[in-house]
């Protein structure tokens, strides 16, 4: 799938939490083959930082964080994301 996405000139990324990674692969240390892709992880808190990040899948740090899942913006529900 990664090769297919790249063949269209797009940059693939992974969206996962450490909990989901562990459920899928059995361990947070498993399946490090995607570590060169950008990681976008969710953590439902209101902190615009990566201070809560727990390493998994070979990633030492993420690229982006979804930090507030149900923010109200202009009378709409949206997710807020952080990217330094």
Protein backbone atom coordinates (compact mmCIF):
# COMPACT_ATOMS: atom_id res chain seq x y z
CA UNK A 1 0.00 0.00 0.00
CA UNK A 2 2.87 2.38 0.82
CA UNK A 3 4.41 1.78 -2.62
CA UNK A 4 1.06 2.42 -4.31
CA UNK A 5 0.56 5.71 -2.47
CA UNK A 6 4.10 6.80 -3.39
CA UNK A 7 3.51 5.84 -7.04
CA UNK A 8 0.81 8.54 -7.15
CA UNK A 9 3.32 11.11 -5.93
CA UNK A 10 1.77 11.26 -2.46
CA UNK A 11 3.50 10.96 0.89
CA UNK A 12 2.07 8.15 3.01
CA UNK A 13 1.74 8.50 6.78
CA UNK A 14 0.52 6.36 9.66
CA UNK A 15 -2.29 7.40 12.02
CA UNK A 16 -2.26 5.27 15.16
CA UNK A 17 -2.06 5.38 18.92
CA UNK A 18 0.26 3.17 20.93
CA UNK A 19 -2.80 1.28 22.20
CA UNK A 20 -4.03 0.49 18.68
CA UNK A 21 -0.51 -0.50 17.60
CA UNK A 22 -0.26 -2.96 20.48
CA UNK A 23 -3.68 -4.44 19.68
CA UNK A 24 -2.76 -4.95 16.01
CA UNK A 25 0.86 -6.08 16.34
CA UNK A 26 0.95 -7.53 19.88
CA UNK A 27 3.59 -5.15 21.23
CA UNK A 28 4.46 -1.47 21.00
CA UNK A 29 7.95 -2.54 19.90
CA UNK A 30 6.71 -4.74 17.04
CA UNK A 31 6.58 -3.93 13.34
CA UNK A 32 9.18 -1.19 12.95
CA UNK A 33 9.10 -1.28 9.15
CA UNK A 34 7.03 1.90 8.90
CA UNK A 35 9.23 4.07 11.13
CA UNK A 36 10.47 6.13 8.17
CA UNK A 37 6.91 7.32 7.46
CA UNK A 38 5.39 10.26 9.29
CA UNK A 39 3.38 9.34 12.38
CA UNK A 40 0.20 11.14 13.36
CA UNK A 41 -1.15 10.02 16.72
CA UNK A 42 -4.31 10.84 18.69
CA UNK A 43 -4.30 11.75 22.36
CA UNK A 44 -7.47 13.32 23.73
CA UNK A 45 -6.16 16.12 25.86
CA UNK A 46 -5.79 19.80 25.26
CA UNK A 47 -2.00 19.97 25.15
CA UNK A 48 -0.35 21.30 22.01
CA UNK A 49 2.84 19.35 22.60
CA UNK A 50 4.32 15.89 22.20
CA UNK A 51 5.09 15.57 25.93
CA UNK A 52 2.62 12.67 26.24
CA UNK A 53 4.09 10.65 23.36
CA UNK A 54 5.13 7.06 24.10
CA UNK A 55 7.53 5.52 21.58
CA UNK A 56 6.16 2.66 19.49
CA UNK A 57 6.65 0.98 16.12
CA UNK A 58 10.18 2.37 15.88
CA UNK A 59 9.09 6.03 16.05
CA UNK A 60 11.12 8.13 18.47
CA UNK A 61 8.88 11.14 17.88
CA UNK A 62 5.69 11.82 15.93
CA UNK A 63 5.06 14.30 13.13
CA UNK A 64 1.60 15.37 14.21
CA UNK A 65 -0.86 14.96 17.08
CA UNK A 66 -4.65 15.02 17.14
CA UNK A 67 -5.08 16.59 20.56
CA UNK A 68 -8.75 17.49 20.87
CA UNK A 69 -11.27 15.29 19.14
CA UNK A 70 -14.49 17.28 19.54
CA UNK A 71 -13.59 20.94 19.44
CA UNK A 72 -16.32 23.38 18.50
CA UNK A 73 -15.28 25.76 15.74
CA UNK A 74 -17.70 28.11 14.01
CA UNK A 75 -20.70 26.01 15.13
CA UNK A 76 -19.09 22.83 13.74
CA UNK A 77 -17.44 19.88 15.41
CA UNK A 78 -13.81 19.41 14.45
CA UNK A 79 -10.57 17.79 15.51
CA UNK A 80 -7.69 20.04 16.48
CA UNK A 81 -4.22 18.98 15.42
CA UNK A 82 -0.74 20.01 16.48
CA UNK A 83 2.31 20.04 14.23
CA UNK A 84 5.39 22.00 15.30
